[in-house]
Amino acid sequence: MNNSTQPLPSFFSRISIAIGAFFRALSDAEYAARLARIAAGEPQPSAAPVDVPAPAPTPAPAPVPAPVPVPVTLRAATPDAALQLLGLFQREARLIDFTQENLSAYSDADIGAAARVVHEGCGKVLREHFTIEAVRSEAEGSRIVLEEGFDASAVRLTGNVVGKAPFRGALSHRGWRASNVRLPKLAEAHDAAILAPAEVEL
């Protein structure tokens, strides 16, 4: 039984094949020898295997180095400047007196009057010794986009913080930045821990 999937040639096709084989066998000795072996029922040599080149090895992906955490250098905060600022707030606004006072014995009107004095004095200290600017120039409530690489120390994300930049949200507070500080110089022997000297009336 012929297992070939090709259909058998018709009678007239075989006549054409036979005439072609006859004239080729007269002129081609090797072709005639092959026909003789086919007629004798000898097994035909299989075609020489074709060398298929082995696929080039796929280079292994280079290992991605793990990100190296940047060491955070902590610097000690000198207390003198903070103590000096507290002293200025006390001198101009009586801030320490206000916060140390028990306000439960006072009416809201009395507290409001004292708060006005504290507010005006603190504002005076800030205006004289600092230049304060907004971190963001947009109006509060406006929609802004924070692109990748934004300064996370200058902008704090709140609410539903998921994913990665760019972030889109509403500006709830513009933030404040001190662009200049003008604290007065202290004498070498000055004790900054004395925020307000005790007063003795003679």
N, C-alpha and C. Protein backbone atom coordinates (compact mmCIF):
# COMPACT_ATOMS: atom_id res chain seq x y z
N MET A 1 0.84 -1.20 0.00
CA MET A 1 0.00 0.00 0.00
C MET A 1 0.86 1.23 0.00
N ASN A 2 0.58 2.15 -0.84
CA ASN A 2 1.38 3.37 -0.97
C ASN A 2 0.95 4.34 0.10
N ASN A 3 1.91 4.70 0.98
CA ASN A 3 1.62 5.62 2.07
C ASN A 3 1.83 7.07 1.66
N SER A 4 2.23 7.29 0.38
CA SER A 4 2.49 8.66 -0.04
C SER A 4 1.19 9.42 -0.14
N THR A 5 1.26 10.67 0.21
CA THR A 5 0.07 11.52 0.14
C THR A 5 -0.15 12.06 -1.26
N GLN A 6 0.86 11.90 -2.18
CA GLN A 6 0.70 12.39 -3.54
C GLN A 6 -0.14 11.41 -4.35
N PRO A 7 -1.04 11.89 -5.25
CA PRO A 7 -1.86 10.96 -6.06
C PRO A 7 -0.99 10.26 -7.11
N LEU A 8 -1.37 9.03 -7.47
CA LEU A 8 -0.64 8.27 -8.47
C LEU A 8 -0.80 8.92 -9.84
N PRO A 9 0.29 8.91 -10.65
CA PRO A 9 0.21 9.52 -11.98
C PRO A 9 -0.74 8.72 -12.89
N SER A 10 -1.40 9.41 -13.80
CA SER A 10 -2.34 8.77 -14.72
C SER A 10 -1.58 7.99 -15.79
N PHE A 11 -2.30 7.27 -16.61
CA PHE A 11 -1.68 6.46 -17.66
C PHE A 11 -0.90 7.33 -18.63
N PHE A 12 -1.48 8.42 -19.09
CA PHE A 12 -0.78 9.28 -20.05
C PHE A 12 0.41 9.99 -19.40
N SER A 13 0.31 10.29 -18.08
CA SER A 13 1.47 10.89 -17.39
C SER A 13 2.60 9.88 -17.32
N ARG A 14 2.24 8.59 -17.10
CA ARG A 14 3.28 7.59 -17.02
C ARG A 14 3.99 7.43 -18.36
N ILE A 15 3.24 7.55 -19.48
CA ILE A 15 3.88 7.47 -20.79
C ILE A 15 4.90 8.59 -20.95
N SER A 16 4.54 9.79 -20.51
CA SER A 16 5.46 10.93 -20.63
C SER A 16 6.68 10.72 -19.76
N ILE A 17 6.45 10.17 -18.53
CA ILE A 17 7.59 9.91 -17.64
C ILE A 17 8.50 8.84 -18.23
N ALA A 18 7.90 7.80 -18.78
CA ALA A 18 8.70 6.70 -19.33
C ALA A 18 9.55 7.18 -20.51
N ILE A 19 8.98 8.00 -21.43
CA ILE A 19 9.74 8.51 -22.58
C ILE A 19 10.88 9.38 -22.08
N GLY A 20 10.59 10.26 -21.05
CA GLY A 20 11.64 11.12 -20.53
C GLY A 20 12.74 10.31 -19.88
N ALA A 21 12.38 9.27 -19.10
CA ALA A 21 13.39 8.43 -18.45
C ALA A 21 14.21 7.67 -19.48
N PHE A 22 13.58 7.23 -20.60
CA PHE A 22 14.29 6.50 -21.65
C PHE A 22 15.41 7.35 -22.25
N PHE A 23 15.09 8.58 -22.66
CA PHE A 23 16.12 9.41 -23.29
C PHE A 23 17.16 9.89 -22.27
N ARG A 24 16.77 10.06 -21.02
CA ARG A 24 17.77 10.51 -20.03
C ARG A 24 18.71 9.37 -19.69
N ALA A 25 18.15 8.13 -19.65
CA ALA A 25 19.01 6.98 -19.34
C ALA A 25 20.05 6.77 -20.43
N LEU A 26 19.73 7.11 -21.72
CA LEU A 26 20.69 6.98 -22.80
C LEU A 26 21.84 7.96 -22.64
N SER A 27 21.58 9.13 -22.08
CA SER A 27 22.62 10.15 -22.01
C SER A 27 23.25 10.28 -20.62
N ASP A 28 22.63 9.69 -19.57
CA ASP A 28 23.14 9.86 -18.20
C ASP A 28 23.32 8.49 -17.59
N ALA A 29 24.61 8.02 -17.47
CA ALA A 29 24.89 6.69 -16.97
C ALA A 29 24.49 6.54 -15.51
N GLU A 30 24.72 7.57 -14.69
CA GLU A 30 24.37 7.46 -13.28
C GLU A 30 22.85 7.34 -13.10
N TYR A 31 22.11 8.11 -13.92
CA TYR A 31 20.65 8.01 -13.86
C TYR A 31 20.18 6.62 -14.27
N ALA A 32 20.83 6.07 -15.30
CA ALA A 32 20.49 4.71 -15.74
C ALA A 32 20.78 3.69 -14.66
N ALA A 33 21.91 3.88 -13.91
CA ALA A 33 22.25 2.94 -12.84
C ALA A 33 21.19 3.00 -11.74
N ARG A 34 20.70 4.18 -11.45
CA ARG A 34 19.67 4.30 -10.42
C ARG A 34 18.38 3.60 -10.85
N LEU A 35 18.04 3.75 -12.15
CA LEU A 35 16.85 3.06 -12.65
C LEU A 35 17.02 1.54 -12.55
N ALA A 36 18.25 1.07 -12.81
CA ALA A 36 18.51 -0.37 -12.73
C ALA A 36 18.34 -0.87 -11.31
N ARG A 37 18.82 -0.10 -10.35
CA ARG A 37 18.68 -0.53 -8.95
C ARG A 37 17.21 -0.52 -8.52
N ILE A 38 16.46 0.46 -9.04
CA ILE A 38 15.03 0.49 -8.71
C ILE A 38 14.34 -0.74 -9.30
N ALA A 39 14.70 -1.07 -10.55
CA ALA A 39 14.09 -2.23 -11.19
C ALA A 39 14.44 -3.52 -10.46
N ALA A 40 15.68 -3.60 -9.90
CA ALA A 40 16.10 -4.81 -9.19
C ALA A 40 15.56 -4.85 -7.78
N GLY A 41 14.90 -3.80 -7.31
CA GLY A 41 14.32 -3.79 -5.97
C GLY A 41 15.34 -3.50 -4.88
N GLU A 42 16.50 -2.95 -5.26
CA GLU A 42 17.51 -2.64 -4.25
C GLU A 42 17.08 -1.39 -3.45
N PRO A 43 17.42 -1.39 -2.16
CA PRO A 43 17.07 -0.20 -1.34
C PRO A 43 17.83 1.03 -1.82
N GLN A 44 17.18 2.13 -1.84
CA GLN A 44 17.79 3.36 -2.29
C GLN A 44 18.49 4.07 -1.13
N PRO A 45 19.65 4.61 -1.42
CA PRO A 45 20.35 5.33 -0.34
C PRO A 45 19.53 6.55 0.09
N SER A 46 19.43 6.68 1.41
CA SER A 46 18.69 7.84 1.92
C SER A 46 19.49 9.11 1.71
N ALA A 47 18.79 10.17 1.62
CA ALA A 47 19.47 11.45 1.41
C ALA A 47 20.35 11.77 2.60
N ALA A 48 21.49 12.34 2.29
CA ALA A 48 22.45 12.70 3.35
C ALA A 48 21.79 13.71 4.30
N PRO A 49 21.93 13.48 5.57
CA PRO A 49 21.31 14.42 6.52
C PRO A 49 21.93 15.80 6.38
N VAL A 50 21.08 16.73 6.46
CA VAL A 50 21.53 18.12 6.36
C VAL A 50 21.86 18.63 7.76
N ASP A 51 23.04 19.12 7.91
CA ASP A 51 23.45 19.63 9.21
C ASP A 51 22.70 20.94 9.49
N VAL A 52 21.91 20.87 10.50
CA VAL A 52 21.19 22.08 10.92
C VAL A 52 22.02 22.75 12.00
N PRO A 53 22.41 23.99 11.77
CA PRO A 53 23.24 24.65 12.79
C PRO A 53 22.48 24.78 14.10
N ALA A 54 23.20 24.49 15.16
CA ALA A 54 22.58 24.61 16.48
C ALA A 54 22.24 26.07 16.75
N PRO A 55 21.11 26.29 17.36
CA PRO A 55 20.74 27.69 17.66
C PRO A 55 21.76 28.33 18.59
N ALA A 56 22.03 29.57 18.29
CA ALA A 56 22.99 30.29 19.13
C ALA A 56 22.45 30.39 20.54
N PRO A 57 23.30 30.13 21.52
CA PRO A 57 22.81 30.19 22.90
C PRO A 57 22.36 31.61 23.25
N THR A 58 21.21 31.68 23.90
CA THR A 58 20.69 32.98 24.33
C THR A 58 21.47 33.45 25.55
N PRO A 59 22.07 34.60 25.43
CA PRO A 59 22.85 35.06 26.60
C PRO A 59 21.95 35.29 27.80
N ALA A 60 22.43 34.84 28.92
CA ALA A 60 21.66 35.03 30.15
C ALA A 60 21.59 36.52 30.47
N PRO A 61 20.42 36.97 30.89
CA PRO A 61 20.32 38.40 31.23
C PRO A 61 21.25 38.78 32.36
N ALA A 62 21.87 39.91 32.20
CA ALA A 62 22.79 40.37 33.23
C ALA A 62 22.02 40.62 34.52
N PRO A 63 22.54 40.18 35.64
CA PRO A 63 21.83 40.40 36.90
C PRO A 63 21.73 41.90 37.20
N VAL A 64 20.54 42.29 37.63
CA VAL A 64 20.31 43.69 37.98
C VAL A 64 20.76 43.89 39.42
N PRO A 65 21.73 44.76 39.63
CA PRO A 65 22.19 44.94 41.01
C PRO A 65 21.10 45.56 41.88
N ALA A 66 21.00 45.08 43.08
CA ALA A 66 20.01 45.62 44.00
C ALA A 66 20.39 47.06 44.35
N PRO A 67 19.38 47.92 44.45
CA PRO A 67 19.69 49.32 44.78
C PRO A 67 20.37 49.43 46.13
N VAL A 68 21.44 50.18 46.14
CA VAL A 68 22.18 50.38 47.37
C VAL A 68 21.58 51.54 48.13
N PRO A 69 21.10 51.31 49.35
CA PRO A 69 20.50 52.42 50.10
C PRO A 69 21.54 53.49 50.38
N VAL A 70 21.12 54.72 50.14
CA VAL A 70 22.02 55.84 50.39
C VAL A 70 22.07 56.11 51.88
N PRO A 71 23.25 56.06 52.47
CA PRO A 71 23.33 56.31 53.91
C PRO A 71 22.89 57.73 54.24
N VAL A 72 22.10 57.84 55.28
CA VAL A 72 21.62 59.15 55.73
C VAL A 72 22.54 59.65 56.83
N THR A 73 23.14 60.78 56.58
CA THR A 73 24.03 61.37 57.57
C THR A 73 23.22 62.29 58.48
N LEU A 74 23.20 61.95 59.74
CA LEU A 74 22.48 62.76 60.71
C LEU A 74 23.41 63.80 61.29
N ARG A 75 22.95 65.03 61.34
CA ARG A 75 23.75 66.10 61.92
C ARG A 75 23.08 66.58 63.20
N ALA A 76 23.89 66.85 64.17
CA ALA A 76 23.36 67.32 65.45
C ALA A 76 22.88 68.76 65.31
N ALA A 77 21.66 68.99 65.80
CA ALA A 77 21.11 70.34 65.75
C ALA A 77 21.64 71.12 66.94
N THR A 78 22.21 72.27 66.65
CA THR A 78 22.70 73.12 67.73
C THR A 78 21.52 73.84 68.37
N PRO A 79 21.38 73.76 69.67
CA PRO A 79 20.20 74.36 70.32
C PRO A 79 20.24 75.87 70.43
N ASP A 80 21.40 76.49 70.24
CA ASP A 80 21.50 77.93 70.49
C ASP A 80 20.54 78.73 69.62
N ALA A 81 20.47 78.39 68.31
CA ALA A 81 19.60 79.16 67.42
C ALA A 81 18.13 78.98 67.80
N ALA A 82 17.74 77.74 68.15
CA ALA A 82 16.35 77.52 68.57
C ALA A 82 16.04 78.25 69.86
N LEU A 83 16.97 78.24 70.79
CA LEU A 83 16.75 78.95 72.05
C LEU A 83 16.69 80.45 71.82
N GLN A 84 17.54 80.93 70.92
CA GLN A 84 17.51 82.37 70.60
C GLN A 84 16.17 82.77 70.01
N LEU A 85 15.63 81.92 69.12
CA LEU A 85 14.34 82.22 68.51
C LEU A 85 13.23 82.22 69.56
N LEU A 86 13.26 81.26 70.47
CA LEU A 86 12.27 81.24 71.54
C LEU A 86 12.35 82.52 72.38
N GLY A 87 13.58 82.97 72.63
CA GLY A 87 13.75 84.21 73.39
C GLY A 87 13.17 85.40 72.65
N LEU A 88 13.33 85.44 71.33
CA LEU A 88 12.74 86.54 70.54
C LEU A 88 11.22 86.50 70.59
N PHE A 89 10.63 85.29 70.48
CA PHE A 89 9.18 85.18 70.56
C PHE A 89 8.66 85.60 71.94
N GLN A 90 9.41 85.28 72.97
CA GLN A 90 9.00 85.69 74.31
C GLN A 90 9.10 87.20 74.47
N ARG A 91 10.17 87.79 73.96
CA ARG A 91 10.37 89.24 74.13
C ARG A 91 9.33 90.05 73.37
N GLU A 92 9.02 89.64 72.13
CA GLU A 92 8.12 90.42 71.30
C GLU A 92 6.65 90.01 71.42
N ALA A 93 6.39 88.75 71.78
CA ALA A 93 5.01 88.27 71.74
C ALA A 93 4.55 87.61 73.04
N ARG A 94 5.44 87.53 74.03
CA ARG A 94 5.10 86.85 75.27
C ARG A 94 4.58 85.43 75.00
N LEU A 95 5.20 84.75 74.02
CA LEU A 95 4.70 83.44 73.59
C LEU A 95 4.79 82.42 74.72
N ILE A 96 5.92 82.40 75.42
CA ILE A 96 6.09 81.40 76.48
C ILE A 96 5.11 81.68 77.63
N ASP A 97 4.94 82.97 77.97
CA ASP A 97 3.96 83.30 79.00
C ASP A 97 2.57 82.80 78.60
N PHE A 98 2.22 83.00 77.33
CA PHE A 98 0.89 82.62 76.86
C PHE A 98 0.69 81.11 76.94
N THR A 99 1.71 80.33 76.49
CA THR A 99 1.55 78.87 76.47
C THR A 99 1.65 78.25 77.86
N GLN A 100 2.32 78.92 78.78
CA GLN A 100 2.46 78.37 80.12
C GLN A 100 1.30 78.75 81.04
N GLU A 101 0.47 79.65 80.60
CA GLU A 101 -0.65 80.11 81.42
C GLU A 101 -1.81 79.11 81.37
N ASN A 102 -2.48 78.92 82.49
CA ASN A 102 -3.69 78.10 82.55
C ASN A 102 -4.86 78.96 82.10
N LEU A 103 -5.39 78.66 80.92
CA LEU A 103 -6.42 79.52 80.33
C LEU A 103 -7.83 79.16 80.77
N SER A 104 -7.98 78.13 81.58
CA SER A 104 -9.33 77.70 81.97
C SER A 104 -10.06 78.75 82.79
N ALA A 105 -9.32 79.63 83.45
CA ALA A 105 -9.96 80.64 84.30
C ALA A 105 -10.34 81.90 83.53
N TYR A 106 -10.00 81.94 82.23
CA TYR A 106 -10.25 83.16 81.45
C TYR A 106 -11.40 82.92 80.47
N SER A 107 -12.07 84.01 80.12
CA SER A 107 -13.16 83.94 79.13
C SER A 107 -12.56 83.90 77.73
N ASP A 108 -13.41 83.51 76.78
CA ASP A 108 -12.95 83.47 75.40
C ASP A 108 -12.54 84.85 74.91
N ALA A 109 -13.22 85.89 75.38
CA ALA A 109 -12.87 87.25 74.97
C ALA A 109 -11.48 87.62 75.49
N ASP A 110 -11.18 87.25 76.74
CA ASP A 110 -9.85 87.54 77.29
C ASP A 110 -8.76 86.78 76.53
N ILE A 111 -9.05 85.52 76.23
CA ILE A 111 -8.07 84.71 75.50
C ILE A 111 -7.87 85.27 74.10
N GLY A 112 -8.96 85.70 73.46
CA GLY A 112 -8.84 86.27 72.12
C GLY A 112 -8.01 87.53 72.11
N ALA A 113 -8.16 88.39 73.13
CA ALA A 113 -7.36 89.61 73.21
C ALA A 113 -5.88 89.28 73.40
N ALA A 114 -5.57 88.27 74.24
CA ALA A 114 -4.18 87.88 74.44
C ALA A 114 -3.60 87.25 73.19
N ALA A 115 -4.42 86.46 72.48
CA ALA A 115 -3.95 85.82 71.26
C ALA A 115 -3.60 86.85 70.20
N ARG A 116 -4.32 87.97 70.18
CA ARG A 116 -4.01 89.01 69.22
C ARG A 116 -2.62 89.59 69.47
N VAL A 117 -2.27 89.79 70.74
CA VAL A 117 -0.94 90.31 71.08
C VAL A 117 0.14 89.31 70.67
N VAL A 118 -0.11 88.01 70.95
CA VAL A 118 0.85 86.97 70.58
C VAL A 118 1.00 86.91 69.06
N HIS A 119 -0.11 86.99 68.35
CA HIS A 119 -0.07 86.93 66.89
C HIS A 119 0.74 88.07 66.31
N GLU A 120 0.49 89.28 66.78
CA GLU A 120 1.21 90.45 66.25
C GLU A 120 2.70 90.37 66.58
N GLY A 121 3.03 89.95 67.81
CA GLY A 121 4.45 89.86 68.18
C GLY A 121 5.19 88.78 67.42
N CYS A 122 4.57 87.61 67.23
CA CYS A 122 5.21 86.53 66.46
C CYS A 122 5.42 86.96 65.02
N GLY A 123 4.41 87.65 64.45
CA GLY A 123 4.56 88.13 63.07
C GLY A 123 5.71 89.10 62.94
N LYS A 124 5.90 89.96 63.95
CA LYS A 124 7.02 90.91 63.91
C LYS A 124 8.36 90.19 63.91
N VAL A 125 8.49 89.16 64.75
CA VAL A 125 9.75 88.39 64.80
C VAL A 125 10.03 87.72 63.46
N LEU A 126 9.01 87.11 62.87
CA LEU A 126 9.21 86.42 61.60
C LEU A 126 9.59 87.39 60.49
N ARG A 127 8.94 88.55 60.46
CA ARG A 127 9.25 89.54 59.41
C ARG A 127 10.66 90.11 59.55
N GLU A 128 11.11 90.32 60.78
CA GLU A 128 12.41 90.94 61.00
C GLU A 128 13.57 89.97 60.78
N HIS A 129 13.36 88.71 61.10
CA HIS A 129 14.50 87.78 61.13
C HIS A 129 14.43 86.66 60.08
N PHE A 130 13.36 86.61 59.31
CA PHE A 130 13.24 85.55 58.30
C PHE A 130 12.64 86.13 57.02
N THR A 131 13.03 85.54 55.90
CA THR A 131 12.32 85.76 54.64
C THR A 131 11.60 84.46 54.34
N ILE A 132 10.27 84.50 54.39
CA ILE A 132 9.46 83.29 54.25
C ILE A 132 8.70 83.34 52.94
N GLU A 133 8.81 82.29 52.17
CA GLU A 133 8.15 82.20 50.86
C GLU A 133 7.36 80.91 50.79
N ALA A 134 6.37 80.88 49.91
CA ALA A 134 5.57 79.67 49.70
C ALA A 134 6.38 78.64 48.91
N VAL A 135 6.24 77.37 49.28
CA VAL A 135 6.92 76.30 48.55
C VAL A 135 6.34 76.15 47.15
N ARG A 136 5.02 76.18 47.03
CA ARG A 136 4.34 76.07 45.74
C ARG A 136 3.69 77.40 45.40
N SER A 137 3.77 77.79 44.14
CA SER A 137 3.23 79.08 43.71
C SER A 137 1.75 78.99 43.33
N GLU A 138 1.20 77.78 43.14
CA GLU A 138 -0.19 77.65 42.74
C GLU A 138 -1.13 78.03 43.89
N ALA A 139 -2.34 78.39 43.54
CA ALA A 139 -3.34 78.73 44.55
C ALA A 139 -3.80 77.45 45.24
N GLU A 140 -4.09 77.55 46.53
CA GLU A 140 -4.58 76.40 47.27
C GLU A 140 -5.93 75.97 46.70
N GLY A 141 -6.09 74.65 46.54
CA GLY A 141 -7.29 74.10 45.94
C GLY A 141 -7.14 73.77 44.47
N SER A 142 -6.08 74.28 43.83
CA SER A 142 -5.88 74.00 42.41
C SER A 142 -5.31 72.60 42.22
N ARG A 143 -5.52 72.03 41.03
CA ARG A 143 -5.03 70.69 40.70
C ARG A 143 -3.61 70.79 40.16
N ILE A 144 -2.71 69.98 40.68
CA ILE A 144 -1.32 70.00 40.25
C ILE A 144 -0.87 68.57 39.95
N VAL A 145 0.23 68.45 39.20
CA VAL A 145 0.83 67.17 38.85
C VAL A 145 2.25 67.14 39.39
N LEU A 146 2.58 66.11 40.14
CA LEU A 146 3.94 65.91 40.66
C LEU A 146 4.60 64.84 39.80
N GLU A 147 5.58 65.26 39.00
CA GLU A 147 6.27 64.33 38.12
C GLU A 147 7.27 63.49 38.92
N GLU A 148 7.75 62.44 38.28
CA GLU A 148 8.74 61.58 38.92
C GLU A 148 9.99 62.39 39.27
N GLY A 149 10.52 62.17 40.46
CA GLY A 149 11.70 62.90 40.90
C GLY A 149 11.38 64.18 41.66
N PHE A 150 10.11 64.39 42.01
CA PHE A 150 9.77 65.60 42.75
C PHE A 150 10.42 65.57 44.13
N ASP A 151 10.60 66.75 44.71
CA ASP A 151 11.28 66.87 46.00
C ASP A 151 10.33 66.44 47.11
N ALA A 152 10.54 65.23 47.62
CA ALA A 152 9.65 64.71 48.65
C ALA A 152 9.82 65.43 49.98
N SER A 153 10.94 66.15 50.16
CA SER A 153 11.11 66.91 51.40
C SER A 153 10.34 68.22 51.35
N ALA A 154 9.99 68.68 50.16
CA ALA A 154 9.26 69.94 50.02
C ALA A 154 7.77 69.73 49.81
N VAL A 155 7.37 68.52 49.40
CA VAL A 155 5.96 68.22 49.16
C VAL A 155 5.60 66.93 49.89
N ARG A 156 4.60 66.99 50.74
CA ARG A 156 4.15 65.80 51.47
C ARG A 156 2.84 65.32 50.87
N LEU A 157 2.81 64.03 50.52
CA LEU A 157 1.60 63.44 49.95
C LEU A 157 0.68 62.99 51.08
N THR A 158 -0.62 63.29 50.96
CA THR A 158 -1.60 62.85 51.94
C THR A 158 -2.76 62.19 51.21
N GLY A 159 -3.63 61.54 51.97
CA GLY A 159 -4.78 60.88 51.35
C GLY A 159 -4.44 59.48 50.88
N ASN A 160 -4.99 59.07 49.75
CA ASN A 160 -4.81 57.73 49.21
C ASN A 160 -3.54 57.70 48.36
N VAL A 161 -2.42 57.45 49.01
CA VAL A 161 -1.12 57.46 48.32
C VAL A 161 -0.80 56.04 47.88
N VAL A 162 -0.97 55.75 46.57
CA VAL A 162 -0.66 54.44 46.00
C VAL A 162 0.06 54.63 44.68
N GLY A 163 0.81 53.61 44.28
CA GLY A 163 1.50 53.66 42.99
C GLY A 163 2.72 54.56 43.04
N LYS A 164 3.11 55.05 41.88
CA LYS A 164 4.29 55.89 41.78
C LYS A 164 3.99 57.08 40.89
N ALA A 165 4.92 58.05 40.90
CA ALA A 165 4.73 59.29 40.14
C ALA A 165 4.55 58.97 38.65
N PRO A 166 3.82 59.85 37.92
CA PRO A 166 3.30 61.15 38.36
C PRO A 166 2.05 61.03 39.22
N PHE A 167 1.95 61.95 40.22
CA PHE A 167 0.80 62.02 41.10
C PHE A 167 -0.02 63.25 40.73
N ARG A 168 -1.32 63.12 40.77
CA ARG A 168 -2.23 64.23 40.48
C ARG A 168 -3.15 64.43 41.69
N GLY A 169 -3.20 65.65 42.16
CA GLY A 169 -4.03 65.92 43.32
C GLY A 169 -4.29 67.39 43.49
N ALA A 170 -5.01 67.72 44.56
CA ALA A 170 -5.35 69.11 44.85
C ALA A 170 -4.38 69.65 45.90
N LEU A 171 -3.92 70.86 45.69
CA LEU A 171 -2.99 71.51 46.61
C LEU A 171 -3.78 72.00 47.82
N SER A 172 -3.60 71.34 48.96
CA SER A 172 -4.34 71.74 50.17
C SER A 172 -3.57 72.75 51.00
N HIS A 173 -2.25 72.82 50.86
CA HIS A 173 -1.44 73.82 51.56
C HIS A 173 -0.22 74.12 50.71
N ARG A 174 0.10 75.40 50.57
CA ARG A 174 1.21 75.79 49.69
C ARG A 174 2.57 75.50 50.32
N GLY A 175 2.63 75.33 51.63
CA GLY A 175 3.91 75.10 52.30
C GLY A 175 4.68 76.40 52.49
N TRP A 176 5.67 76.36 53.38
CA TRP A 176 6.49 77.55 53.63
C TRP A 176 7.96 77.17 53.60
N ARG A 177 8.75 78.06 53.07
CA ARG A 177 10.21 77.88 53.00
C ARG A 177 10.88 79.16 53.48
N ALA A 178 11.88 79.00 54.36
CA ALA A 178 12.67 80.15 54.80
C ALA A 178 13.83 80.32 53.84
N SER A 179 13.77 81.35 53.03
CA SER A 179 14.84 81.58 52.05
C SER A 179 15.99 82.41 52.62
N ASN A 180 15.77 83.01 53.79
CA ASN A 180 16.84 83.79 54.42
C ASN A 180 16.57 83.85 55.92
N VAL A 181 17.64 83.75 56.70
CA VAL A 181 17.56 83.81 58.15
C VAL A 181 18.50 84.89 58.63
N ARG A 182 18.00 85.78 59.51
CA ARG A 182 18.80 86.91 59.97
C ARG A 182 18.76 87.01 61.50
N LEU A 183 19.14 85.95 62.16
CA LEU A 183 19.17 85.98 63.62
C LEU A 183 20.37 86.80 64.07
N PRO A 184 20.21 87.59 65.13
CA PRO A 184 21.35 88.39 65.61
C PRO A 184 22.45 87.50 66.17
N LYS A 185 23.66 87.99 66.08
CA LYS A 185 24.80 87.24 66.61
C LYS A 185 24.79 87.31 68.13
N LEU A 186 25.28 86.23 68.72
CA LEU A 186 25.30 86.13 70.18
C LEU A 186 26.70 86.38 70.70
N ALA A 187 26.77 87.05 71.82
CA ALA A 187 28.07 87.23 72.48
C ALA A 187 28.57 85.88 72.98
N GLU A 188 29.87 85.74 73.09
CA GLU A 188 30.47 84.47 73.48
C GLU A 188 29.97 84.01 74.85
N ALA A 189 29.79 84.96 75.75
CA ALA A 189 29.39 84.60 77.11
C ALA A 189 27.88 84.55 77.29
N HIS A 190 27.10 84.77 76.21
CA HIS A 190 25.65 84.79 76.34
C HIS A 190 25.10 83.39 76.58
N ASP A 191 24.21 83.27 77.56
CA ASP A 191 23.58 81.99 77.88
C ASP A 191 22.24 81.93 77.15
N ALA A 192 22.20 81.21 76.01
CA ALA A 192 20.97 81.15 75.20
C ALA A 192 19.86 80.39 75.90
N ALA A 193 20.19 79.61 76.92
CA ALA A 193 19.15 78.87 77.63
C ALA A 193 18.27 79.78 78.48
N ILE A 194 18.72 80.98 78.78
CA ILE A 194 17.89 81.94 79.50
C ILE A 194 16.98 82.60 78.47
N LEU A 195 15.76 82.12 78.35
CA LEU A 195 14.83 82.64 77.33
C LEU A 195 14.28 84.01 77.73
N ALA A 196 14.09 84.20 78.99
CA ALA A 196 13.65 85.50 79.51
C ALA A 196 14.16 85.62 80.94
N PRO A 197 14.91 86.64 81.25
CA PRO A 197 15.41 86.75 82.62
C PRO A 197 14.28 87.02 83.61
N ALA A 198 14.51 86.58 84.80
CA ALA A 198 13.53 86.89 85.85
C ALA A 198 13.56 88.39 86.12
N GLU A 199 12.44 88.95 86.49
CA GLU A 199 12.35 90.38 86.72
C GLU A 199 12.08 90.63 88.22
N VAL A 200 12.83 91.56 88.78
CA VAL A 200 12.66 91.94 90.18
C VAL A 200 12.39 93.43 90.25
N GLU A 201 11.25 93.78 90.72
CA GLU A 201 10.89 95.19 90.83
C GLU A 201 11.32 95.71 92.21
N LEU A 202 12.07 96.80 92.23
CA LEU A 202 12.57 97.37 93.47
C LEU A 202 11.69 98.55 93.86
